Amino acid sequence: MTDQQLFEYIRCPVTRSPLQSADAEMIREINDQIEKGLIRNRLDRKVERPLDAGLLNSDHSLLYPVWDGIPTLIADEAISMQDRR
């Protein structure tokens, strides 16, 4: 199964919208903010590890972390993008 085929099946657990890969620039910016201790997940816990990649829901309001090549599709682990636009 290719990455594109996988994207046809997985959905945001909150909005049920399709997910897409975040671009490299966005991941760099998020990782810079993680390093500074500025990124928190939906449970208001500080994100400690830099992201390998991320998956965005269709309205770009939530970013799901990808660590070690594995997407974390737990709603509480998502990073709210509302304040980062």
Protein backbone atom coordinates (compact mmCIF):
# COMPACT_ATOMS: atom_id res chain seq x y z
CA MET A 1 0.00 0.00 0.00
CA THR A 2 1.38 3.41 -0.93
CA ASP A 3 1.21 6.50 1.28
CA GLN A 4 -1.45 7.94 -1.03
CA GLN A 5 -3.60 4.82 -0.65
CA LEU A 6 -3.23 5.05 3.11
CA PHE A 7 -4.48 8.66 3.06
CA GLU A 8 -7.69 7.44 1.44
CA TYR A 9 -8.49 5.44 4.59
CA ILE A 10 -7.28 7.42 7.58
CA ARG A 11 -9.27 10.34 8.96
CA CYS A 12 -8.98 12.92 11.69
CA PRO A 13 -10.52 11.33 14.80
CA VAL A 14 -12.02 14.69 15.82
CA THR A 15 -13.44 16.12 12.57
CA ARG A 16 -13.53 12.90 10.51
CA SER A 17 -11.94 14.84 7.64
CA PRO A 18 -9.18 13.43 5.42
CA LEU A 19 -5.58 13.95 6.50
CA GLN A 20 -2.68 15.27 4.46
CA SER A 21 1.04 15.56 5.08
CA ALA A 22 2.30 18.80 6.57
CA ASP A 23 5.03 20.40 4.49
CA ALA A 24 8.66 20.39 5.61
CA GLU A 25 8.66 24.11 6.43
CA MET A 26 5.73 23.72 8.83
CA ILE A 27 7.45 20.80 10.57
CA ARG A 28 10.65 22.85 10.93
CA GLU A 29 8.70 25.72 12.48
CA ILE A 30 6.83 23.41 14.86
CA ASN A 31 10.09 21.69 15.86
CA ASP A 32 11.71 25.06 16.56
CA GLN A 33 8.79 25.88 18.85
CA ILE A 34 8.99 22.44 20.50
CA GLU A 35 12.67 23.08 21.24
CA LYS A 36 11.70 26.37 22.93
CA GLY A 37 9.02 24.59 25.00
CA LEU A 38 6.15 26.43 23.30
CA ILE A 39 4.11 23.55 21.82
CA ARG A 40 1.37 21.84 23.80
CA ASN A 41 -1.06 19.12 22.75
CA ARG A 42 -4.83 19.16 23.21
CA LEU A 43 -4.41 17.95 26.82
CA ASP A 44 -2.24 21.03 27.41
CA ARG A 45 0.83 18.85 27.90
CA LYS A 46 4.14 20.10 26.56
CA VAL A 47 5.31 18.25 23.43
CA GLU A 48 8.83 17.12 24.30
CA ARG A 49 10.00 15.33 21.14
CA PRO A 50 10.58 16.91 17.74
CA LEU A 51 8.30 15.61 15.01
CA ASP A 52 9.53 13.48 12.12
CA ALA A 53 6.48 14.62 10.16
CA GLY A 54 2.85 15.56 10.75
CA LEU A 55 -0.62 14.99 9.38
CA LEU A 56 -3.07 17.88 9.07
CA ASN A 57 -6.84 17.62 8.98
CA SER A 58 -8.64 19.29 6.08
CA ASP A 59 -9.16 22.69 7.71
CA HIS A 60 -5.58 22.67 9.10
CA SER A 61 -6.85 23.11 12.66
CA LEU A 62 -5.14 19.97 14.03
CA LEU A 63 -1.73 18.47 13.43
CA TYR A 64 -1.15 14.82 14.32
CA PRO A 65 2.49 14.03 15.14
CA VAL A 66 4.48 11.38 13.34
CA TRP A 67 7.33 9.87 15.37
CA ASP A 68 9.59 7.09 14.12
CA GLY A 69 7.44 6.89 10.99
CA ILE A 70 4.27 6.11 12.96
CA PRO A 71 1.34 8.56 12.90
CA THR A 72 -0.17 9.29 16.31
CA LEU A 73 -3.89 9.55 15.62
CA ILE A 74 -4.96 10.00 19.22
CA ALA A 75 -7.15 13.11 19.43
CA ASP A 76 -5.58 14.31 22.71
CA GLU A 77 -2.07 14.07 21.23
CA ALA A 78 -2.93 16.41 18.36
CA ILE A 79 -1.45 19.90 18.25
CA SER A 80 -3.96 22.69 17.78
CA MET A 81 -2.95 24.88 14.86
CA GLN A 82 -5.59 27.55 15.56
CA ASP A 83 -3.08 29.94 17.18
CA ARG A 84 -0.31 29.28 14.67
CA ARG A 85 -1.88 30.64 11.49
